[in-house]
PDB file of N, CA and C in Angstrom:
ATOM      1  N   UNK A   1      76.280  -3.164 -48.249  1.00  0.00           N
ATOM      2  CA  UNK A   1      76.037  -4.392 -48.466  1.00  0.00           C
ATOM      3  C   UNK A   1      74.249  -4.680 -48.930  1.00  0.00           C
ATOM      4  N   UNK A   2      73.596  -3.935 -48.256  1.00  0.00           N
ATOM      5  CA  UNK A   2      72.197  -3.875 -48.622  1.00  0.00           C
ATOM      6  C   UNK A   2      72.017  -3.406 -50.085  1.00  0.00           C
ATOM      7  N   UNK A   3      72.515  -2.402 -50.355  1.00  0.00           N
ATOM      8  CA  UNK A   3      72.410  -1.823 -51.614  1.00  0.00           C
ATOM      9  C   UNK A   3      73.205  -2.576 -52.812  1.00  0.00           C
ATOM     10  N   UNK A   4      74.284  -3.265 -52.390  1.00  0.00           N
ATOM     11  CA  UNK A   4      74.671  -4.230 -53.575  1.00  0.00           C
ATOM     12  C   UNK A   4      73.480  -5.756 -53.704  1.00  0.00           C
ATOM     13  N   UNK A   5      73.200  -5.613 -52.526  1.00  0.00           N
ATOM     14  CA  UNK A   5      72.082  -7.002 -52.457  1.00  0.00           C
ATOM     15  C   UNK A   5      71.272  -6.693 -53.578  1.00  0.00           C
ATOM     16  N   UNK A   6      70.542  -5.382 -53.239  1.00  0.00           N
ATOM     17  CA  UNK A   6      69.478  -4.785 -54.337  1.00  0.00           C
ATOM     18  C   UNK A   6      69.984  -4.931 -55.692  1.00  0.00           C
ATOM     19  N   UNK A   7      70.904  -4.077 -55.811  1.00  0.00           N
ATOM     20  CA  UNK A   7      71.446  -4.107 -57.310  1.00  0.00           C
ATOM     21  C   UNK A   7      71.707  -5.672 -58.139  1.00  0.00           C
ATOM     22  N   UNK A   8      72.370  -6.474 -57.248  1.00  0.00           N
ATOM     23  CA  UNK A   8      72.817  -7.624 -57.948  1.00  0.00           C
ATOM     24  C   UNK A   8      71.530  -8.526 -58.127  1.00  0.00           C
ATOM     25  N   UNK A   9      70.064  -8.599 -57.079  1.00  0.00           N
ATOM     26  CA  UNK A   9      69.096  -8.944 -57.127  1.00  0.00           C
ATOM     27  C   UNK A   9      68.203  -8.567 -58.296  1.00  0.00           C
ATOM     28  N   UNK A  10      68.184  -7.325 -58.662  1.00  0.00           N
ATOM     29  CA  UNK A  10      67.391  -6.924 -59.519  1.00  0.00           C
ATOM     30  C   UNK A  10      68.166  -7.321 -60.890  1.00  0.00           C
ATOM     31  N   UNK A  11      69.425  -7.032 -61.232  1.00  0.00           N
ATOM     32  CA  UNK A  11      70.060  -7.593 -62.246  1.00  0.00           C
ATOM     33  C   UNK A  11      69.735  -9.114 -62.591  1.00  0.00           C
ATOM     34  N   UNK A  12      69.853  -9.857 -61.714  1.00  0.00           N
ATOM     35  CA  UNK A  12      69.761 -11.196 -61.908  1.00  0.00           C
ATOM     36  C   UNK A  12      68.180 -11.776 -62.209  1.00  0.00           C
ATOM     37  N   UNK A  13      67.474 -11.181 -61.321  1.00  0.00           N
ATOM     38  CA  UNK A  13      65.811 -11.569 -61.462  1.00  0.00           C
ATOM     39  C   UNK A  13      65.430 -11.006 -63.173  1.00  0.00           C
ATOM     40  N   UNK A  14      65.943  -9.821 -63.277  1.00  0.00           N
ATOM     41  CA  UNK A  14      65.548  -9.228 -64.797  1.00  0.00           C
ATOM     42  C   UNK A  14      65.912 -10.037 -66.054  1.00  0.00           C
ATOM     43  N   UNK A  15      67.492 -10.333 -65.656  1.00  0.00           N
ATOM     44  CA  UNK A  15      67.953 -11.381 -66.687  1.00  0.00           C
ATOM     45  C   UNK A  15      67.619 -12.666 -66.558  1.00  0.00           C
ATOM     46  N   UNK A  16      67.047 -13.157 -65.510  1.00  0.00           N
ATOM     47  CA  UNK A  16      66.458 -14.403 -65.243  1.00  0.00           C
ATOM     48  C   UNK A  16      65.259 -14.725 -66.198  1.00  0.00           C
ATOM     49  N   UNK A  17      64.118 -13.347 -66.391  1.00  0.00           N
ATOM     50  CA  UNK A  17      63.124 -13.476 -66.631  1.00  0.00           C
ATOM     51  C   UNK A  17      63.337 -13.689 -68.479  1.00  0.00           C
ATOM     52  N   UNK A  18      64.326 -13.695 -69.040  1.00  0.00           N
ATOM     53  CA  UNK A  18      64.855 -13.704 -70.406  1.00  0.00           C
ATOM     54  C   UNK A  18      65.589 -14.957 -70.962  1.00  0.00           C
ATOM     55  N   UNK A  19      65.969 -15.961 -70.022  1.00  0.00           N
ATOM     56  CA  UNK A  19      66.487 -16.750 -70.402  1.00  0.00           C
ATOM     57  C   UNK A  19      65.562 -17.825 -70.998  1.00  0.00           C
ATOM     58  N   UNK A  20      66.191 -18.465 -71.892  1.00  0.00           N
ATOM     59  CA  UNK A  20      65.415 -19.267 -72.827  1.00  0.00           C
ATOM     60  C   UNK A  20      65.366 -20.686 -72.713  1.00  0.00           C
ATOM     61  N   UNK A  21      64.185 -21.251 -72.285  1.00  0.00           N
ATOM     62  CA  UNK A  21      64.580 -22.833 -71.893  1.00  0.00           C
ATOM     63  C   UNK A  21      62.886 -23.185 -72.439  1.00  0.00           C
ATOM     64  N   UNK A  22      63.215 -24.601 -72.626  1.00  0.00           N
ATOM     65  CA  UNK A  22      61.922 -25.223 -73.555  1.00  0.00           C
ATOM     66  C   UNK A  22      60.919 -25.229 -73.035  1.00  0.00           C
ATOM     67  N   UNK A  23      60.953 -25.791 -71.555  1.00  0.00           N
ATOM     68  CA  UNK A  23      59.783 -26.324 -70.854  1.00  0.00           C
ATOM     69  C   UNK A  23      59.932 -25.371 -69.468  1.00  0.00           C
ATOM     70  N   UNK A  24      58.662 -25.201 -69.050  1.00  0.00           N
ATOM     71  CA  UNK A  24      58.283 -24.562 -67.675  1.00  0.00           C
ATOM     72  C   UNK A  24      58.767 -23.217 -67.698  1.00  0.00           C
ATOM     73  N   UNK A  25      58.447 -22.505 -68.834  1.00  0.00           N
ATOM     74  CA  UNK A  25      58.800 -21.048 -69.040  1.00  0.00           C
ATOM     75  C   UNK A  25      58.236 -20.061 -67.979  1.00  0.00           C
ATOM     76  N   UNK A  26      56.686 -20.465 -67.982  1.00  0.00           N
ATOM     77  CA  UNK A  26      56.142 -19.616 -67.006  1.00  0.00           C
ATOM     78  C   UNK A  26      56.474 -20.122 -65.582  1.00  0.00           C
ATOM     79  N   UNK A  27      57.037 -20.771 -65.121  1.00  0.00           N
ATOM     80  CA  UNK A  27      57.503 -20.996 -63.868  1.00  0.00           C
ATOM     81  C   UNK A  27      58.785 -20.383 -63.689  1.00  0.00           C
ATOM     82  N   UNK A  28      59.572 -20.368 -64.481  1.00  0.00           N
ATOM     83  CA  UNK A  28      60.966 -19.318 -64.401  1.00  0.00           C
ATOM     84  C   UNK A  28      60.616 -18.251 -64.393  1.00  0.00           C
ATOM     85  N   UNK A  29      59.540 -17.661 -65.088  1.00  0.00           N
ATOM     86  CA  UNK A  29      59.454 -16.090 -65.349  1.00  0.00           C
ATOM     87  C   UNK A  29      58.662 -15.779 -63.460  1.00  0.00           C
ATOM     88  N   UNK A  30      57.817 -16.938 -63.020  1.00  0.00           N
ATOM     89  CA  UNK A  30      57.429 -16.393 -61.506  1.00  0.00           C
ATOM     90  C   UNK A  30      58.697 -16.549 -60.576  1.00  0.00           C
ATOM     91  N   UNK A  31      59.444 -17.379 -60.644  1.00  0.00           N
ATOM     92  CA  UNK A  31      60.461 -17.536 -59.599  1.00  0.00           C
ATOM     93  C   UNK A  31      61.467 -16.200 -59.756  1.00  0.00           C
ATOM     94  N   UNK A  32      61.591 -15.796 -61.083  1.00  0.00           N
ATOM     95  CA  UNK A  32      62.452 -14.193 -61.589  1.00  0.00           C
ATOM     96  C   UNK A  32      61.730 -13.316 -60.679  1.00  0.00           C
ATOM     97  N   UNK A  33      60.207 -13.082 -60.880  1.00  0.00           N
ATOM     98  CA  UNK A  33      59.497 -12.064 -60.429  1.00  0.00           C
ATOM     99  C   UNK A  33      59.819 -12.139 -58.700  1.00  0.00           C
ATOM    100  N   UNK A  34      59.635 -13.375 -58.189  1.00  0.00           N
ATOM    101  CA  UNK A  34      60.164 -13.356 -56.675  1.00  0.00           C
ATOM    102  C   UNK A  34      61.510 -13.006 -56.453  1.00  0.00           C
ATOM    103  N   UNK A  35      62.269 -13.401 -57.217  1.00  0.00           N
ATOM    104  CA  UNK A  35      63.708 -12.959 -56.976  1.00  0.00           C
ATOM    105  C   UNK A  35      63.592 -11.182 -57.119  1.00  0.00           C
ATOM    106  N   UNK A  36      62.557 -10.580 -58.018  1.00  0.00           N
ATOM    107  CA  UNK A  36      62.405  -9.252 -58.258  1.00  0.00           C
ATOM    108  C   UNK A  36      62.031  -8.847 -56.752  1.00  0.00           C
ATOM    109  N   UNK A  37      60.735  -9.227 -56.625  1.00  0.00           N
ATOM    110  CA  UNK A  37      60.558  -8.565 -55.152  1.00  0.00           C
ATOM    111  C   UNK A  37      61.240  -8.800 -54.151  1.00  0.00           C
ATOM    112  N   UNK A  38      62.050  -9.757 -53.837  1.00  0.00           N
ATOM    113  CA  UNK A  38      63.007 -10.078 -52.745  1.00  0.00           C
ATOM    114  C   UNK A  38      63.971  -9.007 -52.888  1.00  0.00           C
ATOM    115  N   UNK A  39      64.282  -8.871 -54.121  1.00  0.00           N
ATOM    116  CA  UNK A  39      65.323  -7.713 -54.230  1.00  0.00           C
ATOM    117  C   UNK A  39      64.721  -6.099 -53.852  1.00  0.00           C
ATOM    118  N   UNK A  40      63.777  -5.876 -54.042  1.00  0.00           N
ATOM    119  CA  UNK A  40      62.840  -4.845 -53.633  1.00  0.00           C
ATOM    120  C   UNK A  40      62.738  -4.659 -52.006  1.00  0.00           C
ATOM    121  N   UNK A  41      62.983  -5.818 -51.570  1.00  0.00           N
ATOM    122  CA  UNK A  41      62.762  -6.028 -50.073  1.00  0.00           C
ATOM    123  C   UNK A  41      64.278  -5.769 -49.319  1.00  0.00           C
ATOM    124  N   UNK A  42      65.174  -5.542 -50.150  1.00  0.00           N
ATOM    125  CA  UNK A  42      66.614  -5.864 -49.600  1.00  0.00           C
ATOM    126  C   UNK A  42      67.064  -4.546 -48.560  1.00  0.00           C
ATOM    127  N   UNK A  43      66.254  -3.549 -48.628  1.00  0.00           N
ATOM    128  CA  UNK A  43      66.865  -2.558 -48.051  1.00  0.00           C
ATOM    129  C   UNK A  43      65.633  -2.276 -46.505  1.00  0.00           C
ATOM    130  N   UNK A  44      64.581  -2.663 -46.739  1.00  0.00           N
ATOM    131  CA  UNK A  44      63.408  -2.675 -45.679  1.00  0.00           C
ATOM    132  C   UNK A  44      63.444  -3.830 -44.793  1.00  0.00           C
ATOM    133  N   UNK A  45      63.611  -5.263 -45.557  1.00  0.00           N
ATOM    134  CA  UNK A  45      63.775  -6.603 -44.872  1.00  0.00           C
ATOM    135  C   UNK A  45      64.702  -6.986 -45.117  1.00  0.00           C
ATOM    136  N   UNK A  46      66.148  -6.995 -44.654  1.00  0.00           N
ATOM    137  CA  UNK A  46      67.318  -7.719 -45.751  1.00  0.00           C
ATOM    138  C   UNK A  46      67.073  -9.274 -45.237  1.00  0.00           C
ATOM    139  N   UNK A  47      66.427  -9.720 -44.055  1.00  0.00           N
ATOM    140  CA  UNK A  47      66.387 -11.127 -44.018  1.00  0.00           C
ATOM    141  C   UNK A  47      65.470 -11.825 -44.909  1.00  0.00           C
ATOM    142  N   UNK A  48      64.125 -11.505 -44.997  1.00  0.00           N
ATOM    143  CA  UNK A  48      63.341 -11.814 -45.969  1.00  0.00           C
ATOM    144  C   UNK A  48      63.956 -11.809 -47.463  1.00  0.00           C
ATOM    145  N   UNK A  49      64.665 -10.356 -47.689  1.00  0.00           N
ATOM    146  CA  UNK A  49      65.243 -10.149 -48.756  1.00  0.00           C
ATOM    147  C   UNK A  49      65.882 -11.410 -49.492  1.00  0.00           C
ATOM    148  N   UNK A  50      66.942 -11.928 -48.596  1.00  0.00           N
ATOM    149  CA  UNK A  50      68.270 -12.492 -48.449  1.00  0.00           C
ATOM    150  C   UNK A  50      67.278 -14.017 -49.232  1.00  0.00           C
ATOM    151  N   UNK A  51      66.215 -14.415 -48.126  1.00  0.00           N
ATOM    152  CA  UNK A  51      65.902 -16.054 -48.237  1.00  0.00           C
ATOM    153  C   UNK A  51      65.179 -16.001 -49.302  1.00  0.00           C
ATOM    154  N   UNK A  52      64.409 -15.071 -49.904  1.00  0.00           N
ATOM    155  CA  UNK A  52      63.652 -15.400 -51.023  1.00  0.00           C
ATOM    156  C   UNK A  52      64.593 -15.193 -52.376  1.00  0.00           C
ATOM    157  N   UNK A  53      65.702 -14.290 -52.498  1.00  0.00           N
ATOM    158  CA  UNK A  53      66.563 -14.750 -53.457  1.00  0.00           C
ATOM    159  C   UNK A  53      67.283 -15.709 -53.737  1.00  0.00           C
ATOM    160  N   UNK A  54      67.588 -16.378 -52.311  1.00  0.00           N
ATOM    161  CA  UNK A  54      68.392 -17.472 -52.261  1.00  0.00           C
ATOM    162  C   UNK A  54      67.567 -18.717 -52.773  1.00  0.00           C
ATOM    163  N   UNK A  55      66.517 -18.920 -52.295  1.00  0.00           N
ATOM    164  CA  UNK A  55      65.277 -19.844 -52.698  1.00  0.00           C
ATOM    165  C   UNK A  55      65.049 -19.730 -54.286  1.00  0.00           C
ATOM    166  N   UNK A  56      64.698 -18.581 -54.973  1.00  0.00           N
ATOM    167  CA  UNK A  56      64.674 -18.166 -56.182  1.00  0.00           C
ATOM    168  C   UNK A  56      66.106 -18.764 -57.277  1.00  0.00           C
ATOM    169  N   UNK A  57      66.829 -18.876 -56.554  1.00  0.00           N
ATOM    170  CA  UNK A  57      68.179 -18.748 -56.976  1.00  0.00           C
ATOM    171  C   UNK A  57      68.273 -20.276 -57.665  1.00  0.00           C
ATOM    172  N   UNK A  58      67.988 -21.123 -56.228  1.00  0.00           N
ATOM    173  CA  UNK A  58      68.042 -22.470 -56.264  1.00  0.00           C
ATOM    174  C   UNK A  58      66.974 -23.254 -56.980  1.00  0.00           C
ATOM    175  N   UNK A  59      65.776 -22.397 -56.944  1.00  0.00           N
ATOM    176  CA  UNK A  59      64.630 -23.209 -57.841  1.00  0.00           C
ATOM    177  C   UNK A  59      64.863 -22.884 -59.235  1.00  0.00           C
ATOM    178  N   UNK A  60      65.574 -21.763 -59.449  1.00  0.00           N
ATOM    179  CA  UNK A  60      66.074 -21.245 -60.984  1.00  0.00           C
ATOM    180  C   UNK A  60      67.094 -22.350 -61.588  1.00  0.00           C
ATOM    181  N   UNK A  61      68.145 -22.656 -60.741  1.00  0.00           N
ATOM    182  CA  UNK A  61      69.072 -23.538 -61.215  1.00  0.00           C
ATOM    183  C   UNK A  61      68.458 -24.830 -61.861  1.00  0.00           C
ATOM    184  N   UNK A  62      67.506 -25.317 -60.723  1.00  0.00           N
ATOM    185  CA  UNK A  62      66.728 -26.665 -60.519  1.00  0.00           C
ATOM    186  C   UNK A  62      66.008 -26.889 -62.002  1.00  0.00           C
ATOM    187  N   UNK A  63      65.211 -25.461 -62.606  1.00  0.00           N
ATOM    188  CA  UNK A  63      64.196 -25.504 -63.445  1.00  0.00           C
ATOM    189  C   UNK A  63      64.902 -25.575 -64.753  1.00  0.00           C
ATOM    190  N   UNK A  64      66.063 -24.530 -65.123  1.00  0.00           N
ATOM    191  CA  UNK A  64      66.575 -23.977 -66.045  1.00  0.00           C
ATOM    192  C   UNK A  64      68.208 -24.725 -66.421  1.00  0.00           C
ATOM    193  N   UNK A  65      68.324 -25.527 -65.518  1.00  0.00           N
ATOM    194  CA  UNK A  65      69.656 -25.961 -65.610  1.00  0.00           C
ATOM    195  C   UNK A  65      70.457 -25.250 -66.197  1.00  0.00           C
ATOM    196  N   UNK A  66      71.483 -24.926 -67.143  1.00  0.00           N
ATOM    197  CA  UNK A  66      72.483 -24.442 -67.272  1.00  0.00           C
ATOM    198  C   UNK A  66      72.447 -23.024 -67.633  1.00  0.00           C
ATOM    199  N   UNK A  67      71.254 -22.904 -68.287  1.00  0.00           N
ATOM    200  CA  UNK A  67      70.806 -21.564 -68.793  1.00  0.00           C
ATOM    201  C   UNK A  67      70.660 -20.481 -68.026  1.00  0.00           C
ATOM    202  N   UNK A  68      70.309 -20.898 -66.535  1.00  0.00           N
ATOM    203  CA  UNK A  68      70.112 -19.784 -65.444  1.00  0.00           C
ATOM    204  C   UNK A  68      71.084 -19.534 -64.970  1.00  0.00           C
ATOM    205  N   UNK A  69      72.376 -20.196 -64.977  1.00  0.00           N
ATOM    206  CA  UNK A  69      73.613 -20.029 -64.229  1.00  0.00           C
ATOM    207  C   UNK A  69      73.925 -18.834 -63.907  1.00  0.00           C
ATOM    208  N   UNK A  70      74.184 -17.839 -64.797  1.00  0.00           N
ATOM    209  CA  UNK A  70      74.663 -16.398 -64.175  1.00  0.00           C
ATOM    210  C   UNK A  70      73.538 -15.600 -63.448  1.00  0.00           C
ATOM    211  N   UNK A  71      72.097 -15.650 -63.943  1.00  0.00           N
ATOM    212  CA  UNK A  71      71.124 -14.733 -63.285  1.00  0.00           C
ATOM    213  C   UNK A  71      71.214 -15.537 -61.831  1.00  0.00           C
ATOM    214  N   UNK A  72      71.189 -17.115 -61.812  1.00  0.00           N
ATOM    215  CA  UNK A  72      71.152 -17.507 -60.445  1.00  0.00           C
ATOM    216  C   UNK A  72      72.345 -16.967 -59.549  1.00  0.00           C
ATOM    217  N   UNK A  73      73.321 -17.071 -60.102  1.00  0.00           N
ATOM    218  CA  UNK A  73      74.525 -16.467 -59.329  1.00  0.00           C
ATOM    219  C   UNK A  73      74.229 -15.172 -58.823  1.00  0.00           C
ATOM    220  N   UNK A  74      73.791 -14.460 -59.760  1.00  0.00           N
ATOM    221  CA  UNK A  74      73.753 -13.177 -59.237  1.00  0.00           C
ATOM    222  C   UNK A  74      72.670 -12.708 -58.016  1.00  0.00           C
ATOM    223  N   UNK A  75      71.560 -13.853 -58.442  1.00  0.00           N
ATOM    224  CA  UNK A  75      70.513 -13.859 -57.455  1.00  0.00           C
ATOM    225  C   UNK A  75      71.011 -14.110 -55.865  1.00  0.00           C
ATOM    226  N   UNK A  76      72.007 -15.311 -55.920  1.00  0.00           N
ATOM    227  CA  UNK A  76      72.256 -15.951 -54.615  1.00  0.00           C
ATOM    228  C   UNK A  76      73.605 -15.006 -53.889  1.00  0.00           C
ATOM    229  N   UNK A  77      74.217 -14.440 -54.792  1.00  0.00           N
ATOM    230  CA  UNK A  77      75.322 -13.492 -54.331  1.00  0.00           C
ATOM    231  C   UNK A  77      74.487 -12.274 -53.536  1.00  0.00           C
ATOM    232  N   UNK A  78      73.224 -11.763 -54.277  1.00  0.00           N
ATOM    233  CA  UNK A  78      72.758 -10.951 -53.834  1.00  0.00           C
ATOM    234  C   UNK A  78      71.885 -11.086 -52.567  1.00  0.00           C
ATOM    235  N   UNK A  79      71.338 -12.106 -52.396  1.00  0.00           N
ATOM    236  CA  UNK A  79      70.987 -12.876 -51.350  1.00  0.00           C
ATOM    237  C   UNK A  79      72.086 -12.902 -49.941  1.00  0.00           C
ATOM    238  N   UNK A  80      72.967 -13.275 -50.577  1.00  0.00           N
ATOM    239  CA  UNK A  80      74.207 -13.309 -49.099  1.00  0.00           C
ATOM    240  C   UNK A  80      74.192 -11.635 -48.739  1.00  0.00           C
ATOM    241  N   UNK A  81      74.638 -11.086 -49.778  1.00  0.00           N
ATOM    242  CA  UNK A  81      74.874  -9.522 -49.360  1.00  0.00           C
ATOM    243  C   UNK A  81      73.714  -9.277 -48.617  1.00  0.00           C
ATOM    244  N   UNK A  82      72.369  -9.635 -48.772  1.00  0.00           N
ATOM    245  CA  UNK A  82      71.372  -8.982 -48.141  1.00  0.00           C
ATOM    246  C   UNK A  82      71.178  -9.344 -46.563  1.00  0.00           C
ATOM    247  N   UNK A  83      71.869 -10.585 -46.707  1.00  0.00           N
ATOM    248  CA  UNK A  83      71.761 -11.495 -45.354  1.00  0.00           C
ATOM    249  C   UNK A  83      72.651 -11.045 -44.423  1.00  0.00           C
ATOM    250  N   UNK A  84      74.032 -10.341 -45.182  1.00  0.00           N
ATOM    251  CA  UNK A  84      75.182  -9.904 -44.557  1.00  0.00           C
ATOM    252  C   UNK A  84      74.904  -8.513 -43.896  1.00  0.00           C
ATOM    253  N   UNK A  85      74.038  -7.794 -45.143  1.00  0.00           N
ATOM    254  CA  UNK A  85      73.673  -6.495 -44.382  1.00  0.00           C
ATOM    255  C   UNK A  85      72.914  -6.376 -43.034  1.00  0.00           C
ATOM    256  N   UNK A  86      72.278  -7.667 -43.084  1.00  0.00           N
ATOM    257  CA  UNK A  86      71.190  -7.869 -41.941  1.00  0.00           C
ATOM    258  C   UNK A  86      72.078  -8.096 -40.544  1.00  0.00           C
ATOM    259  N   UNK A  87      73.013  -8.737 -40.460  1.00  0.00           N
ATOM    260  CA  UNK A  87      74.058  -8.940 -39.477  1.00  0.00           C
ATOM    261  C   UNK A  87      74.938  -7.837 -39.384  1.00  0.00           C
ATOM    262  N   UNK A  88      75.407  -7.147 -40.330  1.00  0.00           N
ATOM    263  CA  UNK A  88      76.026  -5.856 -39.868  1.00  0.00           C
ATOM    264  C   UNK A  88      75.444  -4.708 -39.521  1.00  0.00           C
ATOM    265  N   UNK A  89      74.084  -4.744 -39.828  1.00  0.00           N
ATOM    266  CA  UNK A  89      73.257  -3.607 -39.058  1.00  0.00           C
ATOM    267  C   UNK A  89      73.029  -4.016 -37.892  1.00  0.00           C
ATOM    268  N   UNK A  90      72.520  -5.393 -37.263  1.00  0.00           N
ATOM    269  CA  UNK A  90      72.644  -5.801 -35.991  1.00  0.00           C
ATOM    270  C   UNK A  90      74.010  -5.475 -35.149  1.00  0.00           C
ATOM    271  N   UNK A  91      75.130  -5.595 -35.734  1.00  0.00           N
ATOM    272  CA  UNK A  91      76.426  -5.421 -34.921  1.00  0.00           C
ATOM    273  C   UNK A  91      76.540  -4.219 -34.692  1.00  0.00           C
ATOM    274  N   UNK A  92      76.166  -2.993 -35.542  1.00  0.00           N
ATOM    275  CA  UNK A  92      76.238  -1.813 -35.427  1.00  0.00           C
ATOM    276  C   UNK A  92      75.257  -1.053 -34.393  1.00  0.00           C
ATOM    277  N   UNK A  93      74.394  -1.737 -34.000  1.00  0.00           N
ATOM    278  CA  UNK A  93      73.449  -1.237 -32.808  1.00  0.00           C
ATOM    279  C   UNK A  93      73.970  -1.826 -31.359  1.00  0.00           C
TER     280      UNK A  93
END
């Protein structure tokens, strides 16, 4: 699940950087960069990775409305997968 969170988060954050919006474009790019950082943390720190990607998805939806729909979904699902990988890793120990 950690690898799935990593890949979905990377695709969602990169796609989110290229979403066309009229206002606050710079803020959407910063949110996408935060999602990218969260995706990169998916293997080493899945808790923070999941939290960062979920927050980036929610803020992106608020800022860009409908144009951030699919990147936001990918970031949110990647964040959930990262959090699930955390709980499955604890269950294995």
